[in-house]
C-alpha atoms as a PDB file:
ATOM      1  CA  MET A   1     135.283 100.896  98.507  1.00  0.00           C
ATOM      2  CA  SER A   2     138.389  98.635  99.771  1.00  0.00           C
ATOM      3  CA  THR A   3     140.955  98.234  97.494  1.00  0.00           C
ATOM      4  CA  PRO A   4     141.205  94.679  96.263  1.00  0.00           C
ATOM      5  CA  ARG A   5     143.648  92.389  98.141  1.00  0.00           C
ATOM      6  CA  TRP A   6     145.457  91.515  95.217  1.00  0.00           C
ATOM      7  CA  VAL A   7     146.077  95.090  94.113  1.00  0.00           C
ATOM      8  CA  ALA A   8     147.224  96.030  97.271  1.00  0.00           C
ATOM      9  CA  ALA A   9     149.720  92.922  97.344  1.00  0.00           C
ATOM     10  CA  ALA A  10     151.112  95.164  94.296  1.00  0.00           C
ATOM     11  CA  PRO A  11     154.757  97.133  95.272  1.00  0.00           C
ATOM     12  CA  PRO A  12     154.648 100.428  94.519  1.00  0.00           C
ATOM     13  CA  GLU A  13     156.500 100.658  91.500  1.00  0.00           C
ATOM     14  CA  VAL A  14     154.009  97.926  89.940  1.00  0.00           C
ATOM     15  CA  ARG A  15     150.490  99.944  91.102  1.00  0.00           C
ATOM     16  CA  SER A  16     152.468 102.605  89.789  1.00  0.00           C
ATOM     17  CA  LEU A  17     153.005 101.957  86.299  1.00  0.00           C
ATOM     18  CA  SER A  18     149.582 100.336  86.054  1.00  0.00           C
ATOM     19  CA  ILE A  19     147.874 103.588  86.698  1.00  0.00           C
ATOM     20  CA  LEU A  20     150.283 105.573  84.369  1.00  0.00           C
ATOM     21  CA  THR A  21     149.121 102.915  81.593  1.00  0.00           C
ATOM     22  CA  ALA A  22     145.521 102.953  82.718  1.00  0.00           C
ATOM     23  CA  ALA A  23     145.531 106.362  82.548  1.00  0.00           C
ATOM     24  CA  SER A  24     147.272 106.471  78.778  1.00  0.00           C
ATOM     25  CA  ALA A  25     145.242 103.840  77.655  1.00  0.00           C
ATOM     26  CA  ALA A  26     142.310 106.452  78.948  1.00  0.00           C
ATOM     27  CA  ALA A  27     143.585 108.967  77.084  1.00  0.00           C
ATOM     28  CA  CYS A  28     143.724 107.061  74.182  1.00  0.00           C
ATOM     29  CA  ALA A  29     140.007 106.420  74.632  1.00  0.00           C
ATOM     30  CA  PHE A  30     139.230 109.911  74.997  1.00  0.00           C
ATOM     31  CA  SER A  31     140.833 110.986  71.558  1.00  0.00           C
ATOM     32  CA  ALA A  32     139.127 108.013  70.105  1.00  0.00           C
ATOM     33  CA  ALA A  33     135.755 108.852  71.256  1.00  0.00           C
ATOM     34  CA  PHE A  34     136.294 112.698  70.700  1.00  0.00           C
ATOM     35  CA  PRO A  35     138.887 113.675  67.686  1.00  0.00           C
ATOM     36  CA  LEU A  36     140.573 116.923  68.191  1.00  0.00           C
ATOM     37  CA  ALA A  37     141.047 116.974  64.524  1.00  0.00           C
ATOM     38  CA  PRO A  38     140.023 115.923  61.210  1.00  0.00           C
ATOM     39  CA  GLY A  39     141.695 112.383  60.076  1.00  0.00           C
ATOM     40  CA  ARG A  40     142.529 111.285  63.778  1.00  0.00           C
ATOM     41  CA  PRO A  41     143.142 107.519  63.772  1.00  0.00           C
ATOM     42  CA  VAL A  42     140.373 106.465  65.421  1.00  0.00           C
ATOM     43  CA  GLY A  43     141.110 102.764  64.892  1.00  0.00           C
ATOM     44  CA  LEU A  44     144.913 102.493  66.046  1.00  0.00           C
ATOM     45  CA  LEU A  45     143.726 104.708  69.138  1.00  0.00           C
ATOM     46  CA  ILE A  46     141.244 101.963  69.597  1.00  0.00           C
ATOM     47  CA  VAL A  47     144.406  99.259  69.742  1.00  0.00           C
ATOM     48  CA  LEU A  48     146.316 101.366  71.587  1.00  0.00           C
ATOM     49  CA  THR A  49     143.695 101.617  74.602  1.00  0.00           C
ATOM     50  CA  VAL A  50     143.058  97.960  74.476  1.00  0.00           C
ATOM     51  CA  THR A  51     146.433  97.360  74.966  1.00  0.00           C
ATOM     52  CA  GLY A  52     146.985  99.881  77.573  1.00  0.00           C
ATOM     53  CA  VAL A  53     144.252  98.327  79.359  1.00  0.00           C
ATOM     54  CA  LEU A  54     145.993  95.061  79.106  1.00  0.00           C
ATOM     55  CA  LEU A  55     149.074  95.858  80.058  1.00  0.00           C
ATOM     56  CA  ALA A  56     147.620  97.600  83.378  1.00  0.00           C
ATOM     57  CA  LEU A  57     145.566  94.688  84.244  1.00  0.00           C
ATOM     58  CA  ALA A  58     148.613  92.179  83.913  1.00  0.00           C
ATOM     59  CA  LEU A  59     150.624  94.344  86.048  1.00  0.00           C
ATOM     60  CA  ALA A  60     147.992  94.575  88.699  1.00  0.00           C
ATOM     61  CA  ALA A  61     147.212  90.839  88.482  1.00  0.00           C
ATOM     62  CA  LEU A  62     150.810  89.866  88.596  1.00  0.00           C
ATOM     63  CA  GLY A  63     151.640  92.455  91.631  1.00  0.00           C
ATOM     64  CA  PRO A  64     154.541  91.167  93.688  1.00  0.00           C
ATOM     65  CA  ARG A  65     155.566  88.561  90.543  1.00  0.00           C
ATOM     66  CA  VAL A  66     156.411  91.344  88.658  1.00  0.00           C
ATOM     67  CA  THR A  67     160.371  91.743  87.962  1.00  0.00           C
ATOM     68  CA  GLN A  68     162.614  94.926  87.553  1.00  0.00           C
ATOM     69  CA  PRO A  69     162.782  93.610  83.650  1.00  0.00           C
ATOM     70  CA  MET A  70     159.091  92.917  83.398  1.00  0.00           C
ATOM     71  CA  LEU A  71     158.799  97.049  84.416  1.00  0.00           C
ATOM     72  CA  VAL A  72     161.563  97.913  81.637  1.00  0.00           C
ATOM     73  CA  ALA A  73     159.951  96.288  79.139  1.00  0.00           C
ATOM     74  CA  THR A  74     156.490  97.147  79.849  1.00  0.00           C
ATOM     75  CA  VAL A  75     157.835 101.270  80.072  1.00  0.00           C
ATOM     76  CA  ALA A  76     159.678 100.364  76.636  1.00  0.00           C
ATOM     77  CA  VAL A  77     156.046  99.071  75.303  1.00  0.00           C
ATOM     78  CA  VAL A  78     154.238 102.728  76.422  1.00  0.00           C
ATOM     79  CA  ILE A  79     157.357 104.457  74.460  1.00  0.00           C
ATOM     80  CA  VAL A  80     156.610 102.763  71.617  1.00  0.00           C
ATOM     81  CA  MET A  81     152.730 103.128  71.835  1.00  0.00           C
ATOM     82  CA  THR A  82     153.562 106.790  72.389  1.00  0.00           C
ATOM     83  CA  SER A  83     155.760 107.263  69.784  1.00  0.00           C
ATOM     84  CA  VAL A  84     153.209 105.456  67.246  1.00  0.00           C
ATOM     85  CA  LEU A  85     150.300 107.733  68.137  1.00  0.00           C
ATOM     86  CA  VAL A  86     152.559 110.543  67.827  1.00  0.00           C
ATOM     87  CA  GLY A  87     153.212 109.567  64.327  1.00  0.00           C
ATOM     88  CA  ALA A  88     149.298 109.265  63.397  1.00  0.00           C
ATOM     89  CA  ALA A  89     149.074 113.056  64.417  1.00  0.00           C
ATOM     90  CA  SER A  90     147.587 115.284  62.008  1.00  0.00           C
ATOM     91  CA  THR A  91     148.686 118.812  63.534  1.00  0.00           C
ATOM     92  CA  THR A  92     151.954 119.816  65.469  1.00  0.00           C
ATOM     93  CA  GLY A  93     149.549 120.794  68.291  1.00  0.00           C
ATOM     94  CA  GLY A  94     148.193 117.278  68.410  1.00  0.00           C
ATOM     95  CA  ALA A  95     151.821 115.375  67.953  1.00  0.00           C
ATOM     96  CA  MET A  96     153.260 117.989  71.196  1.00  0.00           C
ATOM     97  CA  LEU A  97     150.193 116.773  72.900  1.00  0.00           C
ATOM     98  CA  ALA A  98     150.792 113.209  72.499  1.00  0.00           C
ATOM     99  CA  GLY A  99     154.660 114.015  73.234  1.00  0.00           C
ATOM    100  CA  TYR A 100     153.586 115.338  76.860  1.00  0.00           C
ATOM    101  CA  ALA A 101     153.422 111.486  77.693  1.00  0.00           C
ATOM    102  CA  TYR A 102     156.683 111.280  77.487  1.00  0.00           C
ATOM    103  CA  ILE A 103     157.454 113.449  80.792  1.00  0.00           C
ATOM    104  CA  TRP A 104     155.153 111.182  82.909  1.00  0.00           C
ATOM    105  CA  ILE A 105     156.960 107.986  81.652  1.00  0.00           C
ATOM    106  CA  THR A 106     160.592 109.739  82.150  1.00  0.00           C
ATOM    107  CA  VAL A 107     159.112 110.714  85.879  1.00  0.00           C
ATOM    108  CA  TYR A 108     158.402 106.798  86.215  1.00  0.00           C
ATOM    109  CA  SER A 109     161.553 105.537  84.929  1.00  0.00           C
ATOM    110  CA  GLY A 110     163.781 108.105  86.878  1.00  0.00           C
ATOM    111  CA  LEU A 111     161.872 107.728  90.159  1.00  0.00           C
ATOM    112  CA  PHE A 112     161.020 103.411  89.987  1.00  0.00           C
ATOM    113  CA  LEU A 113     164.114 101.751  88.020  1.00  0.00           C
ATOM    114  CA  PRO A 114     167.749 102.138  87.689  1.00  0.00           C
ATOM    115  CA  ARG A 115     169.775 104.575  86.130  1.00  0.00           C
ATOM    116  CA  ARG A 116     170.625 102.617  82.765  1.00  0.00           C
ATOM    117  CA  ALA A 117     166.937 101.547  82.612  1.00  0.00           C
ATOM    118  CA  MET A 118     166.083 105.129  82.564  1.00  0.00           C
ATOM    119  CA  GLN A 119     169.006 106.214  79.894  1.00  0.00           C
ATOM    120  CA  LEU A 120     167.855 102.981  77.710  1.00  0.00           C
ATOM    121  CA  HIS A 121     163.961 104.934  77.701  1.00  0.00           C
ATOM    122  CA  ALA A 122     165.693 108.224  77.231  1.00  0.00           C
ATOM    123  CA  VAL A 123     167.103 106.983  74.180  1.00  0.00           C
ATOM    124  CA  LEU A 124     163.772 105.048  72.923  1.00  0.00           C
ATOM    125  CA  VAL A 125     162.112 108.574  73.652  1.00  0.00           C
ATOM    126  CA  THR A 126     164.548 110.489  71.722  1.00  0.00           C
ATOM    127  CA  VAL A 127     164.451 108.236  68.634  1.00  0.00           C
ATOM    128  CA  GLY A 128     160.837 107.414  68.746  1.00  0.00           C
ATOM    129  CA  PHE A 129     159.465 110.791  69.523  1.00  0.00           C
ATOM    130  CA  GLY A 130     161.681 111.882  66.427  1.00  0.00           C
ATOM    131  CA  ALA A 131     160.672 109.022  63.999  1.00  0.00           C
ATOM    132  CA  GLY A 132     156.711 109.852  65.047  1.00  0.00           C
ATOM    133  CA  LEU A 133     157.442 113.492  63.828  1.00  0.00           C
ATOM    134  CA  LEU A 134     159.283 112.390  60.805  1.00  0.00           C
ATOM    135  CA  ALA A 135     156.388 110.358  60.280  1.00  0.00           C
ATOM    136  CA  THR A 136     153.834 113.091  60.459  1.00  0.00           C
ATOM    137  CA  GLY A 137     155.342 115.143  57.467  1.00  0.00           C
ATOM    138  CA  LEU A 138     154.305 117.818  59.418  1.00  0.00           C
ATOM    139  CA  PRO A 139     156.557 121.284  59.306  1.00  0.00           C
ATOM    140  CA  GLU A 140     159.185 123.072  62.049  1.00  0.00           C
ATOM    141  CA  THR A 141     158.421 120.090  64.462  1.00  0.00           C
ATOM    142  CA  LEU A 142     162.738 120.118  65.215  1.00  0.00           C
ATOM    143  CA  ALA A 143     162.367 122.628  68.096  1.00  0.00           C
ATOM    144  CA  ALA A 144     159.468 120.204  69.920  1.00  0.00           C
ATOM    145  CA  TRP A 145     161.739 117.483  69.119  1.00  0.00           C
ATOM    146  CA  VAL A 146     164.732 119.241  70.958  1.00  0.00           C
ATOM    147  CA  LEU A 147     162.366 120.618  73.441  1.00  0.00           C
ATOM    148  CA  VAL A 148     160.779 117.342  74.857  1.00  0.00           C
ATOM    149  CA  SER A 149     164.136 115.147  74.320  1.00  0.00           C
ATOM    150  CA  ALA A 150     166.090 118.080  76.250  1.00  0.00           C
ATOM    151  CA  THR A 151     163.511 117.725  78.936  1.00  0.00           C
ATOM    152  CA  VAL A 152     163.265 113.846  79.055  1.00  0.00           C
ATOM    153  CA  TRP A 153     167.066 113.360  79.846  1.00  0.00           C
ATOM    154  CA  GLY A 154     167.681 116.600  81.585  1.00  0.00           C
ATOM    155  CA  SER A 155     164.640 115.548  84.199  1.00  0.00           C
ATOM    156  CA  GLY A 156     165.247 111.785  83.904  1.00  0.00           C
ATOM    157  CA  HIS A 157     168.965 112.086  85.002  1.00  0.00           C
ATOM    158  CA  ALA A 158     168.042 114.397  87.886  1.00  0.00           C
ATOM    159  CA  LEU A 159     165.128 111.998  89.526  1.00  0.00           C
ATOM    160  CA  SER A 160     167.658 109.082  88.835  1.00  0.00           C
ATOM    161  CA  ARG A 161     170.359 110.535  91.130  1.00  0.00           C
ATOM    162  CA  LEU A 162     167.785 111.936  93.398  1.00  0.00           C
ATOM    163  CA  ALA A 163     166.265 108.107  94.047  1.00  0.00           C
ATOM    164  CA  GLU A 164     169.553 106.487  94.295  1.00  0.00           C
ATOM    165  CA  ARG A 165     170.454 108.807  97.121  1.00  0.00           C
ATOM    166  CA  VAL A 166     167.312 108.119  98.800  1.00  0.00           C
ATOM    167  CA  ARG A 167     167.190 104.265  98.568  1.00  0.00           C
ATOM    168  CA  ARG A 168     170.780 104.466  99.705  1.00  0.00           C
ATOM    169  CA  HIS A 169     169.816 106.249 102.816  1.00  0.00           C
ATOM    170  CA  ALA A 170     166.946 104.100 103.290  1.00  0.00           C
ATOM    171  CA  GLU A 171     168.864 100.880 102.966  1.00  0.00           C
ATOM    172  CA  THR A 172     172.621 101.672 104.270  1.00  0.00           C
ATOM    173  CA  ASP A 173     173.302 101.752 107.913  1.00  0.00           C
ATOM    174  CA  HIS A 174     174.881 105.185 107.856  1.00  0.00           C
ATOM    175  CA  VAL A 175     177.806 104.033 110.524  1.00  0.00           C
ATOM    176  CA  THR A 176     178.997 101.318 108.902  1.00  0.00           C
ATOM    177  CA  GLY A 177     177.849 101.746 105.518  1.00  0.00           C
ATOM    178  CA  LEU A 178     176.532  98.118 105.595  1.00  0.00           C
ATOM    179  CA  LEU A 179     172.762  97.185 104.688  1.00  0.00           C
ATOM    180  CA  ASN A 180     170.392  97.842 107.691  1.00  0.00           C
ATOM    181  CA  ARG A 181     168.043  95.726 108.479  1.00  0.00           C
ATOM    182  CA  HIS A 182     164.976  96.395 106.412  1.00  0.00           C
ATOM    183  CA  ALA A 183     166.888  95.696 103.184  1.00  0.00           C
ATOM    184  CA  PHE A 184     169.316  92.721 104.510  1.00  0.00           C
ATOM    185  CA  VAL A 185     165.448  90.971 104.704  1.00  0.00           C
ATOM    186  CA  ALA A 186     164.586  92.197 101.548  1.00  0.00           C
ATOM    187  CA  ALA A 187     168.026  90.733 100.106  1.00  0.00           C
ATOM    188  CA  ALA A 188     167.515  87.537 102.155  1.00  0.00           C
ATOM    189  CA  GLU A 189     163.812  86.977 100.556  1.00  0.00           C
ATOM    190  CA  ARG A 190     165.468  86.885  96.982  1.00  0.00           C
ATOM    191  CA  GLU A 191     168.201  84.807  97.834  1.00  0.00           C
ATOM    192  CA  HIS A 192     165.843  82.492  99.917  1.00  0.00           C
ATOM    193  CA  GLU A 193     163.601  82.213  96.637  1.00  0.00           C
ATOM    194  CA  LEU A 194     166.583  81.669  94.409  1.00  0.00           C
ATOM    195  CA  ALA A 195     167.631  78.740  96.617  1.00  0.00           C
ATOM    196  CA  ALA A 196     164.368  77.369  96.485  1.00  0.00           C
ATOM    197  CA  ARG A 197     164.065  77.311  92.824  1.00  0.00           C
ATOM    198  CA  THR A 198     167.507  75.633  92.381  1.00  0.00           C
ATOM    199  CA  GLY A 199     167.725  73.831  95.405  1.00  0.00           C
ATOM    200  CA  ALA A 200     171.305  75.226  96.881  1.00  0.00           C
ATOM    201  CA  ASP A 201     171.875  75.658 100.021  1.00  0.00           C
ATOM    202  CA  LEU A 202     171.643  78.629 102.416  1.00  0.00           C
ATOM    203  CA  ALA A 203     172.805  79.939 105.736  1.00  0.00           C
ATOM    204  CA  VAL A 204     172.383  83.235 108.012  1.00  0.00           C
ATOM    205  CA  VAL A 205     174.783  83.626 110.657  1.00  0.00           C
ATOM    206  CA  LEU A 206     173.969  86.510 113.681  1.00  0.00           C
ATOM    207  CA  ILE A 207     177.053  87.681 115.237  1.00  0.00           C
ATOM    208  CA  ASP A 208     176.925  89.927 118.622  1.00  0.00           C
ATOM    209  CA  LEU A 209     179.762  91.804 119.921  1.00  0.00           C
ATOM    210  CA  ASP A 210     181.173  90.755 123.539  1.00  0.00           C
ATOM    211  CA  GLY A 211     181.784  93.350 125.818  1.00  0.00           C
ATOM    212  CA  PHE A 212     180.747  96.095 123.011  1.00  0.00           C
ATOM    213  CA  LYS A 213     178.856  98.502 125.780  1.00  0.00           C
ATOM    214  CA  ALA A 214     182.114  98.998 127.998  1.00  0.00           C
ATOM    215  CA  VAL A 215     183.252 100.542 124.455  1.00  0.00           C
ATOM    216  CA  ASN A 216     180.862 103.071 124.617  1.00  0.00           C
ATOM    217  CA  ASP A 217     180.860 103.636 128.412  1.00  0.00           C
ATOM    218  CA  ARG A 218     184.595 104.137 128.410  1.00  0.00           C
ATOM    219  CA  ASP A 219     185.639 105.987 125.078  1.00  0.00           C
ATOM    220  CA  GLY A 220     182.482 107.400 123.646  1.00  0.00           C
ATOM    221  CA  HIS A 221     180.112 106.325 120.769  1.00  0.00           C
ATOM    222  CA  ALA A 222     182.004 107.910 118.599  1.00  0.00           C
ATOM    223  CA  ALA A 223     184.684 105.461 119.627  1.00  0.00           C
ATOM    224  CA  GLY A 224     182.057 102.434 119.424  1.00  0.00           C
ATOM    225  CA  ASP A 225     180.910 103.752 115.989  1.00  0.00           C
ATOM    226  CA  ARG A 226     184.881 103.371 115.024  1.00  0.00           C
ATOM    227  CA  LEU A 227     185.059  99.889 115.862  1.00  0.00           C
ATOM    228  CA  LEU A 228     181.684  98.945 114.495  1.00  0.00           C
ATOM    229  CA  ALA A 229     182.942 100.320 110.938  1.00  0.00           C
ATOM    230  CA  GLU A 230     186.381  98.494 111.333  1.00  0.00           C
ATOM    231  CA  LEU A 231     185.011  95.779 111.673  1.00  0.00           C
ATOM    232  CA  ALA A 232     182.458  95.720 109.071  1.00  0.00           C
ATOM    233  CA  ALA A 233     185.165  96.838 106.488  1.00  0.00           C
ATOM    234  CA  ALA A 234     187.647  93.597 107.542  1.00  0.00           C
ATOM    235  CA  TRP A 235     184.500  91.102 107.312  1.00  0.00           C
ATOM    236  CA  GLN A 236     183.468  92.435 103.790  1.00  0.00           C
ATOM    237  CA  GLY A 237     187.257  91.773 102.876  1.00  0.00           C
ATOM    238  CA  ALA A 238     186.713  88.140 104.085  1.00  0.00           C
ATOM    239  CA  LEU A 239     183.409  87.382 102.351  1.00  0.00           C
ATOM    240  CA  ARG A 240     182.497  86.677  99.033  1.00  0.00           C
ATOM    241  CA  PRO A 241     180.992  89.144  96.544  1.00  0.00           C
ATOM    242  CA  ALA A 242     178.016  86.930  96.648  1.00  0.00           C
ATOM    243  CA  ASP A 243     177.621  87.176 100.620  1.00  0.00           C
ATOM    244  CA  VAL A 244     175.596  89.779 102.453  1.00  0.00           C
ATOM    245  CA  LEU A 245     176.647  91.417 105.887  1.00  0.00           C
ATOM    246  CA  ALA A 246     174.260  93.730 107.243  1.00  0.00           C
ATOM    247  CA  ARG A 247     173.841  95.558 110.287  1.00  0.00           C
ATOM    248  CA  HIS A 248     171.164  94.048 112.190  1.00  0.00           C
ATOM    249  CA  GLY A 249     171.132  96.346 115.135  1.00  0.00           C
ATOM    250  CA  GLY A 250     172.891  97.853 118.092  1.00  0.00           C
ATOM    251  CA  ASP A 251     175.962  95.823 118.141  1.00  0.00           C
ATOM    252  CA  GLU A 252     174.221  92.569 116.220  1.00  0.00           C
ATOM    253  CA  PHE A 253     175.378  91.729 112.340  1.00  0.00           C
ATOM    254  CA  ALA A 254     173.896  88.763 110.073  1.00  0.00           C
ATOM    255  CA  VAL A 255     175.488  87.251 107.528  1.00  0.00           C
ATOM    256  CA  LEU A 256     173.714  85.506 104.505  1.00  0.00           C
ATOM    257  CA  LEU A 257     175.831  82.955 102.839  1.00  0.00           C
ATOM    258  CA  PRO A 258     174.014  81.903  99.609  1.00  0.00           C
ATOM    259  CA  ALA A 259     175.289  78.150  98.384  1.00  0.00           C
ATOM    260  CA  THR A 260     176.391  77.315 101.864  1.00  0.00           C
ATOM    261  CA  SER A 261     175.817  74.629 103.899  1.00  0.00           C
ATOM    262  CA  GLU A 262     175.919  74.702 107.884  1.00  0.00           C
ATOM    263  CA  GLU A 263     179.654  73.109 108.026  1.00  0.00           C
ATOM    264  CA  GLY A 264     180.834  76.087 105.287  1.00  0.00           C
ATOM    265  CA  ALA A 265     179.313  78.486 107.184  1.00  0.00           C
ATOM    266  CA  ARG A 266     180.970  77.467 110.339  1.00  0.00           C
ATOM    267  CA  ARG A 267     184.203  77.979 107.892  1.00  0.00           C
ATOM    268  CA  VAL A 268     183.153  81.208 107.085  1.00  0.00           C
ATOM    269  CA  VAL A 269     182.719  82.305 110.643  1.00  0.00           C
ATOM    270  CA  ALA A 270     186.458  81.410 111.524  1.00  0.00           C
ATOM    271  CA  ARG A 271     187.623  83.520 108.518  1.00  0.00           C
ATOM    272  CA  LEU A 272     185.764  86.683 110.367  1.00  0.00           C
ATOM    273  CA  GLU A 273     186.978  85.580 113.457  1.00  0.00           C
ATOM    274  CA  ALA A 274     191.063  85.827 111.963  1.00  0.00           C
ATOM    275  CA  ALA A 275     189.719  89.101 110.582  1.00  0.00           C
ATOM    276  CA  HIS A 276     189.634  91.179 113.583  1.00  0.00           C
ATOM    277  CA  PRO A 277     190.884  90.930 117.290  1.00  0.00           C
ATOM    278  CA  GLN A 278     187.744  92.055 118.597  1.00  0.00           C
ATOM    279  CA  ALA A 279     185.927  89.411 120.486  1.00  0.00           C
ATOM    280  CA  TRP A 280     182.234  88.653 119.526  1.00  0.00           C
ATOM    281  CA  SER A 281     179.984  85.110 119.527  1.00  0.00           C
ATOM    282  CA  ALA A 282     178.038  83.537 116.440  1.00  0.00           C
ATOM    283  CA  GLY A 283     174.943  81.659 115.889  1.00  0.00           C
ATOM    284  CA  VAL A 284     175.018  79.820 112.685  1.00  0.00           C
ATOM    285  CA  ALA A 285     171.522  78.110 111.044  1.00  0.00           C
ATOM    286  CA  THR A 286     170.559  76.587 107.801  1.00  0.00           C
ATOM    287  CA  TRP A 287     167.819  78.073 106.344  1.00  0.00           C
ATOM    288  CA  VAL A 288     165.762  75.607 104.976  1.00  0.00           C
ATOM    289  CA  ARG A 289     163.444  75.733 101.722  1.00  0.00           C
ATOM    290  CA  GLY A 290     159.520  76.889 103.149  1.00  0.00           C
ATOM    291  CA  ALA A 291     160.934  78.255 106.390  1.00  0.00           C
ATOM    292  CA  SER A 292     160.529  81.911 107.213  1.00  0.00           C
ATOM    293  CA  LEU A 293     163.758  84.049 107.704  1.00  0.00           C
ATOM    294  CA  ASP A 294     162.764  84.832 111.188  1.00  0.00           C
ATOM    295  CA  ALA A 295     162.818  80.938 111.651  1.00  0.00           C
ATOM    296  CA  ALA A 296     165.952  80.650 110.872  1.00  0.00           C
ATOM    297  CA  LEU A 297     167.496  83.886 112.634  1.00  0.00           C
ATOM    298  CA  ALA A 298     165.842  82.253 115.410  1.00  0.00           C
ATOM    299  CA  ILE A 299     167.615  79.278 115.567  1.00  0.00           C
ATOM    300  CA  ALA A 300     170.764  81.083 114.976  1.00  0.00           C
ATOM    301  CA  ASP A 301     170.108  83.323 117.689  1.00  0.00           C
ATOM    302  CA  ALA A 302     169.336  80.455 120.202  1.00  0.00           C
ATOM    303  CA  ARG A 303     172.840  79.027 119.219  1.00  0.00           C
ATOM    304  CA  LEU A 304     174.414  82.409 119.807  1.00  0.00           C
ATOM    305  CA  TYR A 305     173.308  82.882 123.237  1.00  0.00           C
ATOM    306  CA  GLU A 306     174.364  78.958 123.392  1.00  0.00           C
ATOM    307  CA  VAL A 307     178.107  79.931 122.493  1.00  0.00           C
ATOM    308  CA  LYS A 308     177.802  82.890 125.144  1.00  0.00           C
ATOM    309  CA  ARG A 309     177.012  81.046 127.991  1.00  0.00           C
ATOM    310  CA  GLY A 310     179.159  77.846 127.061  1.00  0.00           C
ATOM    311  CA  ARG A 311     182.227  80.296 127.361  1.00  0.00           C
ATOM    312  CA  PRO A 312     181.534  83.212 129.987  1.00  0.00           C
ATOM    313  CA  GLU A 313     185.274  83.621 129.966  1.00  0.00           C
ATOM    314  CA  ARG A 314     185.657  85.136 126.538  1.00  0.00           C
ATOM    315  CA  ALA A 315     182.938  88.113 127.824  1.00  0.00           C
ATOM    316  CA  ALA A 316     184.770  88.342 130.598  1.00  0.00           C
ATOM    317  CA  THR A 317     188.028  88.706 128.459  1.00  0.00           C
ATOM    318  CA  ALA A 318     186.399  91.224 126.486  1.00  0.00           C
ATOM    319  CA  LEU A 319     184.889  93.464 129.080  1.00  0.00           C
ATOM    320  CA  ALA A 320     188.439  94.030 130.895  1.00  0.00           C
ATOM    321  CA  ALA A 321     190.120  94.511 127.699  1.00  0.00           C
ATOM    322  CA  ALA A 322     187.582  97.431 127.060  1.00  0.00           C
ATOM    323  CA  THR A 323     187.477  98.567 130.599  1.00  0.00           C
ATOM    324  CA  GLY A 324     191.065  98.062 131.055  1.00  0.00           C
ATOM    325  CA  ALA A 325     190.868  95.646 134.395  1.00  0.00           C
ATOM    326  CA  GLU A 326     192.179  92.650 135.004  1.00  0.00           C
ATOM    327  CA  PRO A 327     189.607  89.736 134.156  1.00  0.00           C
ATOM    328  CA  ARG A 328     188.180  88.339 137.634  1.00  0.00           C
ATOM    329  CA  ALA A 329     189.496  85.013 138.157  1.00  0.00           C
ATOM    330  CA  GLU A 330     186.400  82.564 139.177  1.00  0.00           C
ATOM    331  CA  PRO A 331     186.975  80.313 142.036  1.00  0.00           C
ATOM    332  CA  ALA A 332     188.050  76.754 141.961  1.00  0.00           C
ATOM    333  CA  GLY A 333     185.643  73.898 142.525  1.00  0.00           C
END
């Protein structure tokens, strides 16, 4: 049986939390149907089961519309539900069994959410598990609280650092330290959605270096990489913090300029030209509401090559500078 399209459209972090929440609801339902100890709070377990099912369905239905704050809040709700379940336990074993859910919650938070969110959830687990154990009135629960809390903090911190490294590697161009094309597209789509809601201008710029192949041919790829890194650093210093600069591939860069008109984007291009002596050509386009990023980049790309065709002497000068040859004069007439 194929996965419903509305479920498949959800990002991995949303699908994973939906599955985790549904699994928690299933565990509560099993405990309510087959109590492991007398005095099990069946009514509370039914309420938690229904709450978990509703949360799982809501996440699956919203899919890509689920924001990161919504994920953080949902995890916090699941932690509170688990803490209530711990507090309703009638045996130390039952409390520990419920407490194991904190480990899976921490794994999710560490892998999918920012470090601050993971730390917030670790604090909630520490406080919630402690309060739940105190509510049981059971003896000798301090060791259990220390063990679970230490595991949550240690594993959460390690997983968060690992996830940050993986995300950085997946989103960053290793030569320039800029966003790569995939990360640029994701950032651009977010800015476009924001601009559509606020009515703000949004512009894109494509930059293509002149004579870059000659640098690699003459001085080697290491020299070419150094030039790319120098350009990235110089351009970042000339841009605003909100502007998005990325390596779009090879010797091509892309710039996203929020709250910037096409005329304003040309002024930004002038600032970038003043930031480094390397010759390059640029095309500017407005990214209008309802248009795709590919459409906006296609317009910028067409304008970039119009610029290149309109001043071939610039490419010849750049090539001569890279190879150390004198630029050839074009015949008059």
